[in-house]
Amino acid sequence: MIMIEFEDDAIQVDATIVGEGLGIEPSLVQAHMREGKITSLCERGVDEDDGRYRLTFFSESRRFSLVIDETGNVVQRLSVDILDRPPASARKPGA
């Protein structure tokens, strides 16, 4: 089963990976994204990181990042508890 894949200039990540990283039930990931309870950021590597992507997912209490290569293989994972307020990139505009 492919967990991370590239399709039409988009990166698709299986909800199981996101759910585990954020500490929530994978079946809730899609609904939480639609409701804005989970937001994401995708960054493309440059120079020595060319061909890699950092995918970061934010919830109210956690930040979960994946670094993947151009074939979708996970190079690095990091989950961090957010104690106070999420970083600006995790909040809705104007919040």
PDB file of N, CA and C in Angstrom:
ATOM      1  N   MET A   1       0.836  -1.191   0.000  1.00  0.00           N
ATOM      2  CA  MET A   1       0.000   0.000   0.000  1.00  0.00           C
ATOM      3  C   MET A   1       0.873   1.245   0.000  1.00  0.00           C
ATOM      4  N   ILE A   2       0.645   2.143  -0.952  1.00  0.00           N
ATOM      5  CA  ILE A   2       1.411   3.378  -1.059  1.00  0.00           C
ATOM      6  C   ILE A   2       0.847   4.384  -0.060  1.00  0.00           C
ATOM      7  N   MET A   3       1.705   4.931   0.784  1.00  0.00           N
ATOM      8  CA  MET A   3       1.275   5.848   1.827  1.00  0.00           C
ATOM      9  C   MET A   3       1.435   7.316   1.423  1.00  0.00           C
ATOM     10  N   ILE A   4       2.423   7.593   0.570  1.00  0.00           N
ATOM     11  CA  ILE A   4       2.660   8.953   0.086  1.00  0.00           C
ATOM     12  C   ILE A   4       2.902   8.855  -1.413  1.00  0.00           C
ATOM     13  N   GLU A   5       2.140   9.633  -2.182  1.00  0.00           N
ATOM     14  CA  GLU A   5       2.340   9.589  -3.631  1.00  0.00           C
ATOM     15  C   GLU A   5       2.136  10.960  -4.252  1.00  0.00           C
ATOM     16  N   PHE A   6       2.750  11.137  -5.408  1.00  0.00           N
ATOM     17  CA  PHE A   6       2.625  12.365  -6.180  1.00  0.00           C
ATOM     18  C   PHE A   6       1.588  12.137  -7.267  1.00  0.00           C
ATOM     19  N   GLU A   7       0.663  13.092  -7.420  1.00  0.00           N
ATOM     20  CA  GLU A   7      -0.365  12.978  -8.444  1.00  0.00           C
ATOM     21  C   GLU A   7      -0.794  14.366  -8.886  1.00  0.00           C
ATOM     22  N   ASP A   8      -0.661  14.660 -10.170  1.00  0.00           N
ATOM     23  CA  ASP A   8      -1.079  15.947 -10.739  1.00  0.00           C
ATOM     24  C   ASP A   8      -0.542  17.139  -9.942  1.00  0.00           C
ATOM     25  N   ASP A   9       0.764  17.169  -9.743  1.00  0.00           N
ATOM     26  CA  ASP A   9       1.426  18.266  -9.021  1.00  0.00           C
ATOM     27  C   ASP A   9       0.953  18.409  -7.583  1.00  0.00           C
ATOM     28  N   ALA A  10       0.419  17.363  -6.996  1.00  0.00           N
ATOM     29  CA  ALA A  10      -0.007  17.370  -5.597  1.00  0.00           C
ATOM     30  C   ALA A  10       0.626  16.173  -4.897  1.00  0.00           C
ATOM     31  N   ILE A  11       0.794  16.297  -3.602  1.00  0.00           N
ATOM     32  CA  ILE A  11       1.314  15.194  -2.801  1.00  0.00           C
ATOM     33  C   ILE A  11       0.176  14.690  -1.934  1.00  0.00           C
ATOM     34  N   GLN A  12      -0.102  13.407  -2.025  1.00  0.00           N
ATOM     35  CA  GLN A  12      -1.166  12.805  -1.229  1.00  0.00           C
ATOM     36  C   GLN A  12      -0.535  11.971  -0.122  1.00  0.00           C
ATOM     37  N   VAL A  13      -0.974  12.226   1.105  1.00  0.00           N
ATOM     38  CA  VAL A  13      -0.453  11.520   2.273  1.00  0.00           C
ATOM     39  C   VAL A  13      -1.599  10.749   2.903  1.00  0.00           C
ATOM     40  N   ASP A  14      -1.377   9.478   3.158  1.00  0.00           N
ATOM     41  CA  ASP A  14      -2.389   8.635   3.779  1.00  0.00           C
ATOM     42  C   ASP A  14      -2.771   9.200   5.149  1.00  0.00           C
ATOM     43  N   ALA A  15      -4.056   9.186   5.452  1.00  0.00           N
ATOM     44  CA  ALA A  15      -4.564   9.722   6.719  1.00  0.00           C
ATOM     45  C   ALA A  15      -3.983   8.998   7.927  1.00  0.00           C
ATOM     46  N   THR A  16      -3.574   7.754   7.755  1.00  0.00           N
ATOM     47  CA  THR A  16      -2.972   7.015   8.863  1.00  0.00           C
ATOM     48  C   THR A  16      -1.682   7.687   9.326  1.00  0.00           C
ATOM     49  N   ILE A  17      -0.868   8.135   8.379  1.00  0.00           N
ATOM     50  CA  ILE A  17       0.387   8.804   8.718  1.00  0.00           C
ATOM     51  C   ILE A  17       0.106  10.106   9.459  1.00  0.00           C
ATOM     52  N   VAL A  18      -0.816  10.904   8.936  1.00  0.00           N
ATOM     53  CA  VAL A  18      -1.139  12.197   9.548  1.00  0.00           C
ATOM     54  C   VAL A  18      -1.764  11.988  10.925  1.00  0.00           C
ATOM     55  N   GLY A  19      -2.704  11.067  11.025  1.00  0.00           N
ATOM     56  CA  GLY A  19      -3.357  10.796  12.297  1.00  0.00           C
ATOM     57  C   GLY A  19      -2.376  10.360  13.366  1.00  0.00           C
ATOM     58  N   GLU A  20      -1.489   9.437  13.021  1.00  0.00           N
ATOM     59  CA  GLU A  20      -0.491   8.978  13.983  1.00  0.00           C
ATOM     60  C   GLU A  20       0.430  10.124  14.408  1.00  0.00           C
ATOM     61  N   GLY A  21       0.832  10.943  13.450  1.00  0.00           N
ATOM     62  CA  GLY A  21       1.731  12.051  13.754  1.00  0.00           C
ATOM     63  C   GLY A  21       1.110  13.111  14.635  1.00  0.00           C
ATOM     64  N   LEU A  22      -0.197  13.339  14.459  1.00  0.00           N
ATOM     65  CA  LEU A  22      -0.893  14.356  15.252  1.00  0.00           C
ATOM     66  C   LEU A  22      -1.571  13.779  16.490  1.00  0.00           C
ATOM     67  N   GLY A  23      -1.558  12.463  16.614  1.00  0.00           N
ATOM     68  CA  GLY A  23      -2.176  11.830  17.777  1.00  0.00           C
ATOM     69  C   GLY A  23      -3.690  11.822  17.721  1.00  0.00           C
ATOM     70  N   ILE A  24      -4.257  11.699  16.506  1.00  0.00           N
ATOM     71  CA  ILE A  24      -5.717  11.620  16.369  1.00  0.00           C
ATOM     72  C   ILE A  24      -6.084  10.394  15.546  1.00  0.00           C
ATOM     73  N   GLU A  25      -7.321   9.999  15.627  1.00  0.00           N
ATOM     74  CA  GLU A  25      -7.825   8.859  14.872  1.00  0.00           C
ATOM     75  C   GLU A  25      -7.755   9.168  13.377  1.00  0.00           C
ATOM     76  N   PRO A  26      -7.109   8.298  12.580  1.00  0.00           N
ATOM     77  CA  PRO A  26      -6.995   8.556  11.138  1.00  0.00           C
ATOM     78  C   PRO A  26      -8.335   8.808  10.449  1.00  0.00           C
ATOM     79  N   SER A  27      -9.403   8.201  10.926  1.00  0.00           N
ATOM     80  CA  SER A  27     -10.709   8.407  10.294  1.00  0.00           C
ATOM     81  C   SER A  27     -11.227   9.840  10.462  1.00  0.00           C
ATOM     82  N   LEU A  28     -10.633  10.606  11.370  1.00  0.00           N
ATOM     83  CA  LEU A  28     -11.058  11.983  11.613  1.00  0.00           C
ATOM     84  C   LEU A  28     -10.244  13.009  10.824  1.00  0.00           C
ATOM     85  N   VAL A  29      -9.139  12.575  10.223  1.00  0.00           N
ATOM     86  CA  VAL A  29      -8.216  13.515   9.575  1.00  0.00           C
ATOM     87  C   VAL A  29      -8.897  14.334   8.486  1.00  0.00           C
ATOM     88  N   GLN A  30      -9.574  13.691   7.565  1.00  0.00           N
ATOM     89  CA  GLN A  30     -10.183  14.422   6.449  1.00  0.00           C
ATOM     90  C   GLN A  30     -11.218  15.435   6.935  1.00  0.00           C
ATOM     91  N   ALA A  31     -12.073  15.043   7.861  1.00  0.00           N
ATOM     92  CA  ALA A  31     -13.083  15.962   8.382  1.00  0.00           C
ATOM     93  C   ALA A  31     -12.426  17.134   9.106  1.00  0.00           C
ATOM     94  N   HIS A  32     -11.389  16.865   9.879  1.00  0.00           N
ATOM     95  CA  HIS A  32     -10.695  17.944  10.596  1.00  0.00           C
ATOM     96  C   HIS A  32     -10.020  18.903   9.628  1.00  0.00           C
ATOM     97  N   MET A  33      -9.538  18.391   8.509  1.00  0.00           N
ATOM     98  CA  MET A  33      -8.937  19.282   7.509  1.00  0.00           C
ATOM     99  C   MET A  33     -10.006  20.167   6.877  1.00  0.00           C
ATOM    100  N   ARG A  34     -11.144  19.586   6.551  1.00  0.00           N
ATOM    101  CA  ARG A  34     -12.236  20.383   5.965  1.00  0.00           C
ATOM    102  C   ARG A  34     -12.711  21.469   6.936  1.00  0.00           C
ATOM    103  N   GLU A  35     -12.717  21.159   8.228  1.00  0.00           N
ATOM    104  CA  GLU A  35     -13.180  22.105   9.250  1.00  0.00           C
ATOM    105  C   GLU A  35     -12.108  23.113   9.645  1.00  0.00           C
ATOM    106  N   GLY A  36     -10.893  22.955   9.137  1.00  0.00           N
ATOM    107  CA  GLY A  36      -9.804  23.868   9.481  1.00  0.00           C
ATOM    108  C   GLY A  36      -9.139  23.537  10.803  1.00  0.00           C
ATOM    109  N   LYS A  37      -9.459  22.395  11.401  1.00  0.00           N
ATOM    110  CA  LYS A  37      -8.835  21.983  12.661  1.00  0.00           C
ATOM    111  C   LYS A  37      -7.434  21.424  12.412  1.00  0.00           C
ATOM    112  N   ILE A  38      -7.189  20.968  11.199  1.00  0.00           N
ATOM    113  CA  ILE A  38      -5.857  20.558  10.766  1.00  0.00           C
ATOM    114  C   ILE A  38      -5.532  21.382   9.524  1.00  0.00           C
ATOM    115  N   THR A  39      -4.371  22.018   9.548  1.00  0.00           N
ATOM    116  CA  THR A  39      -3.895  22.758   8.384  1.00  0.00           C
ATOM    117  C   THR A  39      -2.550  22.166   7.982  1.00  0.00           C
ATOM    118  N   SER A  40      -2.080  22.546   6.800  1.00  0.00           N
ATOM    119  CA  SER A  40      -0.823  21.965   6.327  1.00  0.00           C
ATOM    120  C   SER A  40      -0.006  22.980   5.548  1.00  0.00           C
ATOM    121  N   LEU A  41       1.254  22.655   5.409  1.00  0.00           N
ATOM    122  CA  LEU A  41       2.201  23.483   4.674  1.00  0.00           C
ATOM    123  C   LEU A  41       3.140  22.540   3.927  1.00  0.00           C
ATOM    124  N   CYS A  42       3.413  22.833   2.662  1.00  0.00           N
ATOM    125  CA  CYS A  42       4.346  22.033   1.866  1.00  0.00           C
ATOM    126  C   CYS A  42       5.477  22.943   1.403  1.00  0.00           C
ATOM    127  N   GLU A  43       6.712  22.519   1.658  1.00  0.00           N
ATOM    128  CA  GLU A  43       7.885  23.287   1.250  1.00  0.00           C
ATOM    129  C   GLU A  43       8.782  22.403   0.380  1.00  0.00           C
ATOM    130  N   ARG A  44       9.267  22.956  -0.713  1.00  0.00           N
ATOM    131  CA  ARG A  44      10.154  22.223  -1.619  1.00  0.00           C
ATOM    132  C   ARG A  44      11.591  22.596  -1.295  1.00  0.00           C
ATOM    133  N   GLY A  45      12.457  21.582  -1.204  1.00  0.00           N
ATOM    134  CA  GLY A  45      13.858  21.808  -0.886  1.00  0.00           C
ATOM    135  C   GLY A  45      14.608  22.470  -2.025  1.00  0.00           C
ATOM    136  N   VAL A  46      15.640  23.211  -1.671  1.00  0.00           N
ATOM    137  CA  VAL A  46      16.521  23.849  -2.650  1.00  0.00           C
ATOM    138  C   VAL A  46      17.965  23.481  -2.307  1.00  0.00           C
ATOM    139  N   ASP A  47      18.854  23.732  -3.253  1.00  0.00           N
ATOM    140  CA  ASP A  47      20.282  23.467  -3.102  1.00  0.00           C
ATOM    141  C   ASP A  47      20.513  22.020  -2.662  1.00  0.00           C
ATOM    142  N   GLU A  48      21.128  21.799  -1.503  1.00  0.00           N
ATOM    143  CA  GLU A  48      21.440  20.427  -1.095  1.00  0.00           C
ATOM    144  C   GLU A  48      20.189  19.605  -0.750  1.00  0.00           C
ATOM    145  N   ASP A  49      19.049  20.267  -0.582  1.00  0.00           N
ATOM    146  CA  ASP A  49      17.783  19.567  -0.302  1.00  0.00           C
ATOM    147  C   ASP A  49      16.907  19.442  -1.546  1.00  0.00           C
ATOM    148  N   ASP A  50      17.459  19.765  -2.712  1.00  0.00           N
ATOM    149  CA  ASP A  50      16.696  19.643  -3.952  1.00  0.00           C
ATOM    150  C   ASP A  50      16.181  18.215  -4.108  1.00  0.00           C
ATOM    151  N   GLY A  51      14.925  18.080  -4.493  1.00  0.00           N
ATOM    152  CA  GLY A  51      14.314  16.760  -4.630  1.00  0.00           C
ATOM    153  C   GLY A  51      13.621  16.281  -3.372  1.00  0.00           C
ATOM    154  N   ARG A  52      13.695  17.073  -2.309  1.00  0.00           N
ATOM    155  CA  ARG A  52      13.016  16.732  -1.063  1.00  0.00           C
ATOM    156  C   ARG A  52      11.898  17.731  -0.793  1.00  0.00           C
ATOM    157  N   TYR A  53      10.936  17.287  -0.001  1.00  0.00           N
ATOM    158  CA  TYR A  53       9.814  18.127   0.397  1.00  0.00           C
ATOM    159  C   TYR A  53       9.621  17.986   1.895  1.00  0.00           C
ATOM    160  N   ARG A  54       9.251  19.100   2.555  1.00  0.00           N
ATOM    161  CA  ARG A  54       8.853  19.034   3.962  1.00  0.00           C
ATOM    162  C   ARG A  54       7.359  19.306   4.011  1.00  0.00           C
ATOM    163  N   LEU A  55       6.625  18.344   4.533  1.00  0.00           N
ATOM    164  CA  LEU A  55       5.179  18.452   4.699  1.00  0.00           C
ATOM    165  C   LEU A  55       4.915  18.618   6.183  1.00  0.00           C
ATOM    166  N   THR A  56       4.259  19.706   6.555  1.00  0.00           N
ATOM    167  CA  THR A  56       3.991  19.960   7.962  1.00  0.00           C
ATOM    168  C   THR A  56       2.492  20.067   8.167  1.00  0.00           C
ATOM    169  N   PHE A  57       2.003  19.370   9.178  1.00  0.00           N
ATOM    170  CA  PHE A  57       0.587  19.357   9.534  1.00  0.00           C
ATOM    171  C   PHE A  57       0.455  19.936  10.927  1.00  0.00           C
ATOM    172  N   PHE A  58      -0.538  20.822  11.104  1.00  0.00           N
ATOM    173  CA  PHE A  58      -0.750  21.503  12.372  1.00  0.00           C
ATOM    174  C   PHE A  58      -2.140  21.174  12.909  1.00  0.00           C
ATOM    175  N   SER A  59      -2.211  20.886  14.197  1.00  0.00           N
ATOM    176  CA  SER A  59      -3.496  20.781  14.889  1.00  0.00           C
ATOM    177  C   SER A  59      -3.422  21.740  16.063  1.00  0.00           C
ATOM    178  N   GLU A  60      -4.455  21.757  16.882  1.00  0.00           N
ATOM    179  CA  GLU A  60      -4.447  22.673  18.026  1.00  0.00           C
ATOM    180  C   GLU A  60      -3.305  22.379  18.990  1.00  0.00           C
ATOM    181  N   SER A  61      -2.921  21.116  19.119  1.00  0.00           N
ATOM    182  CA  SER A  61      -1.949  20.764  20.148  1.00  0.00           C
ATOM    183  C   SER A  61      -0.646  20.155  19.631  1.00  0.00           C
ATOM    184  N   ARG A  62      -0.550  19.891  18.324  1.00  0.00           N
ATOM    185  CA  ARG A  62       0.665  19.251  17.790  1.00  0.00           C
ATOM    186  C   ARG A  62       1.045  19.800  16.423  1.00  0.00           C
ATOM    187  N   ARG A  63       2.333  19.672  16.158  1.00  0.00           N
ATOM    188  CA  ARG A  63       2.867  19.947  14.828  1.00  0.00           C
ATOM    189  C   ARG A  63       3.591  18.674  14.390  1.00  0.00           C
ATOM    190  N   PHE A  64       3.299  18.200  13.186  1.00  0.00           N
ATOM    191  CA  PHE A  64       3.887  16.972  12.669  1.00  0.00           C
ATOM    192  C   PHE A  64       4.506  17.263  11.314  1.00  0.00           C
ATOM    193  N   SER A  65       5.791  16.949  11.169  1.00  0.00           N
ATOM    194  CA  SER A  65       6.498  17.199   9.912  1.00  0.00           C
ATOM    195  C   SER A  65       7.062  15.910   9.345  1.00  0.00           C
ATOM    196  N   LEU A  66       7.001  15.821   8.028  1.00  0.00           N
ATOM    197  CA  LEU A  66       7.612  14.728   7.277  1.00  0.00           C
ATOM    198  C   LEU A  66       8.539  15.337   6.241  1.00  0.00           C
ATOM    199  N   VAL A  67       9.729  14.799   6.105  1.00  0.00           N
ATOM    200  CA  VAL A  67      10.593  15.139   4.991  1.00  0.00           C
ATOM    201  C   VAL A  67      10.582  13.904   4.102  1.00  0.00           C
ATOM    202  N   ILE A  68      10.246  14.123   2.826  1.00  0.00           N
ATOM    203  CA  ILE A  68      10.177  13.009   1.879  1.00  0.00           C
ATOM    204  C   ILE A  68      11.057  13.303   0.671  1.00  0.00           C
ATOM    205  N   ASP A  69      11.442  12.237  -0.017  1.00  0.00           N
ATOM    206  CA  ASP A  69      12.183  12.438  -1.268  1.00  0.00           C
ATOM    207  C   ASP A  69      11.206  12.454  -2.438  1.00  0.00           C
ATOM    208  N   GLU A  70      11.750  12.595  -3.653  1.00  0.00           N
ATOM    209  CA  GLU A  70      10.892  12.767  -4.833  1.00  0.00           C
ATOM    210  C   GLU A  70      10.082  11.520  -5.184  1.00  0.00           C
ATOM    211  N   THR A  71      10.373  10.394  -4.541  1.00  0.00           N
ATOM    212  CA  THR A  71       9.588   9.183  -4.787  1.00  0.00           C
ATOM    213  C   THR A  71       8.576   8.914  -3.675  1.00  0.00           C
ATOM    214  N   GLY A  72       8.546   9.783  -2.652  1.00  0.00           N
ATOM    215  CA  GLY A  72       7.585   9.618  -1.568  1.00  0.00           C
ATOM    216  C   GLY A  72       8.106   8.846  -0.378  1.00  0.00           C
ATOM    217  N   ASN A  73       9.398   8.487  -0.396  1.00  0.00           N
ATOM    218  CA  ASN A  73       9.987   7.805   0.760  1.00  0.00           C
ATOM    219  C   ASN A  73      10.216   8.790   1.887  1.00  0.00           C
ATOM    220  N   VAL A  74       9.862   8.390   3.099  1.00  0.00           N
ATOM    221  CA  VAL A  74      10.046   9.255   4.268  1.00  0.00           C
ATOM    222  C   VAL A  74      11.513   9.246   4.658  1.00  0.00           C
ATOM    223  N   VAL A  75      12.094  10.446   4.736  1.00  0.00           N
ATOM    224  CA  VAL A  75      13.483  10.624   5.129  1.00  0.00           C
ATOM    225  C   VAL A  75      13.561  10.966   6.612  1.00  0.00           C
ATOM    226  N   GLN A  76      12.564  11.725   7.091  1.00  0.00           N
ATOM    227  CA  GLN A  76      12.569  12.166   8.490  1.00  0.00           C
ATOM    228  C   GLN A  76      11.140  12.435   8.945  1.00  0.00           C
ATOM    229  N   ARG A  77      10.863  12.166  10.228  1.00  0.00           N
ATOM    230  CA  ARG A  77       9.573  12.473  10.861  1.00  0.00           C
ATOM    231  C   ARG A  77       9.847  13.228  12.145  1.00  0.00           C
ATOM    232  N   LEU A  78       8.951  14.155  12.465  1.00  0.00           N
ATOM    233  CA  LEU A  78       9.079  14.894  13.720  1.00  0.00           C
ATOM    234  C   LEU A  78       7.698  15.318  14.191  1.00  0.00           C
ATOM    235  N   SER A  79       7.364  14.975  15.432  1.00  0.00           N
ATOM    236  CA  SER A  79       6.117  15.429  16.053  1.00  0.00           C
ATOM    237  C   SER A  79       6.480  16.261  17.271  1.00  0.00           C
ATOM    238  N   VAL A  80       5.826  17.408  17.409  1.00  0.00           N
ATOM    239  CA  VAL A  80       6.111  18.314  18.515  1.00  0.00           C
ATOM    240  C   VAL A  80       4.796  18.741  19.142  1.00  0.00           C
ATOM    241  N   ASP A  81       4.715  18.652  20.464  1.00  0.00           N
ATOM    242  CA  ASP A  81       3.553  19.184  21.172  1.00  0.00           C
ATOM    243  C   ASP A  81       3.650  20.697  21.202  1.00  0.00           C
ATOM    244  N   ILE A  82       2.535  21.354  20.940  1.00  0.00           N
ATOM    245  CA  ILE A  82       2.468  22.812  20.998  1.00  0.00           C
ATOM    246  C   ILE A  82       1.754  23.162  22.296  1.00  0.00           C
ATOM    247  N   LEU A  83       2.458  23.777  23.216  1.00  0.00           N
ATOM    248  CA  LEU A  83       1.890  24.008  24.538  1.00  0.00           C
ATOM    249  C   LEU A  83       0.926  25.177  24.602  1.00  0.00           C
ATOM    250  N   ASP A  84       1.290  26.280  24.008  1.00  0.00           N
ATOM    251  CA  ASP A  84       0.439  27.462  24.105  1.00  0.00           C
ATOM    252  C   ASP A  84      -0.388  27.639  22.849  1.00  0.00           C
ATOM    253  N   ARG A  85       0.106  28.447  21.954  1.00  0.00           N
ATOM    254  CA  ARG A  85      -0.619  28.802  20.741  1.00  0.00           C
ATOM    255  C   ARG A  85       0.137  28.316  19.523  1.00  0.00           C
ATOM    256  N   PRO A  86      -0.544  27.745  18.535  1.00  0.00           N
ATOM    257  CA  PRO A  86       0.153  27.273  17.340  1.00  0.00           C
ATOM    258  C   PRO A  86       0.852  28.406  16.613  1.00  0.00           C
ATOM    259  N   PRO A  87       1.904  28.081  15.841  1.00  0.00           N
ATOM    260  CA  PRO A  87       2.572  29.123  15.063  1.00  0.00           C
ATOM    261  C   PRO A  87       1.621  29.760  14.060  1.00  0.00           C
ATOM    262  N   ALA A  88       1.957  30.944  13.622  1.00  0.00           N
ATOM    263  CA  ALA A  88       1.083  31.712  12.722  1.00  0.00           C
ATOM    264  C   ALA A  88       0.672  30.923  11.491  1.00  0.00           C
ATOM    265  N   SER A  89       1.565  30.086  10.971  1.00  0.00           N
ATOM    266  CA  SER A  89       1.233  29.334   9.765  1.00  0.00           C
ATOM    267  C   SER A  89       0.148  28.293  10.011  1.00  0.00           C
ATOM    268  N   ALA A  90      -0.129  27.981  11.282  1.00  0.00           N
ATOM    269  CA  ALA A  90      -1.163  26.981  11.603  1.00  0.00           C
ATOM    270  C   ALA A  90      -2.520  27.611  11.846  1.00  0.00           C
ATOM    271  N   ARG A  91      -2.530  28.932  12.008  1.00  0.00           N
ATOM    272  CA  ARG A  91      -3.796  29.597  12.313  1.00  0.00           C
ATOM    273  C   ARG A  91      -4.485  30.064  11.042  1.00  0.00           C
ATOM    274  N   LYS A  92      -5.768  30.212  11.128  1.00  0.00           N
ATOM    275  CA  LYS A  92      -6.534  30.756  10.004  1.00  0.00           C
ATOM    276  C   LYS A  92      -6.198  32.235   9.854  1.00  0.00           C
ATOM    277  N   PRO A  93      -6.207  32.749   8.638  1.00  0.00           N
ATOM    278  CA  PRO A  93      -5.955  34.174   8.449  1.00  0.00           C
ATOM    279  C   PRO A  93      -6.915  35.016   9.289  1.00  0.00           C
ATOM    280  N   GLY A  94      -6.363  36.034   9.933  1.00  0.00           N
ATOM    281  CA  GLY A  94      -7.156  36.933  10.750  1.00  0.00           C
ATOM    282  C   GLY A  94      -7.420  36.428  12.150  1.00  0.00           C
ATOM    283  N   ALA A  95      -6.915  35.230  12.483  1.00  0.00           N
ATOM    284  CA  ALA A  95      -7.164  34.676  13.832  1.00  0.00           C
ATOM    285  C   ALA A  95      -6.122  35.148  14.798  1.00  0.00           C
TER     286      ALA A  95
END
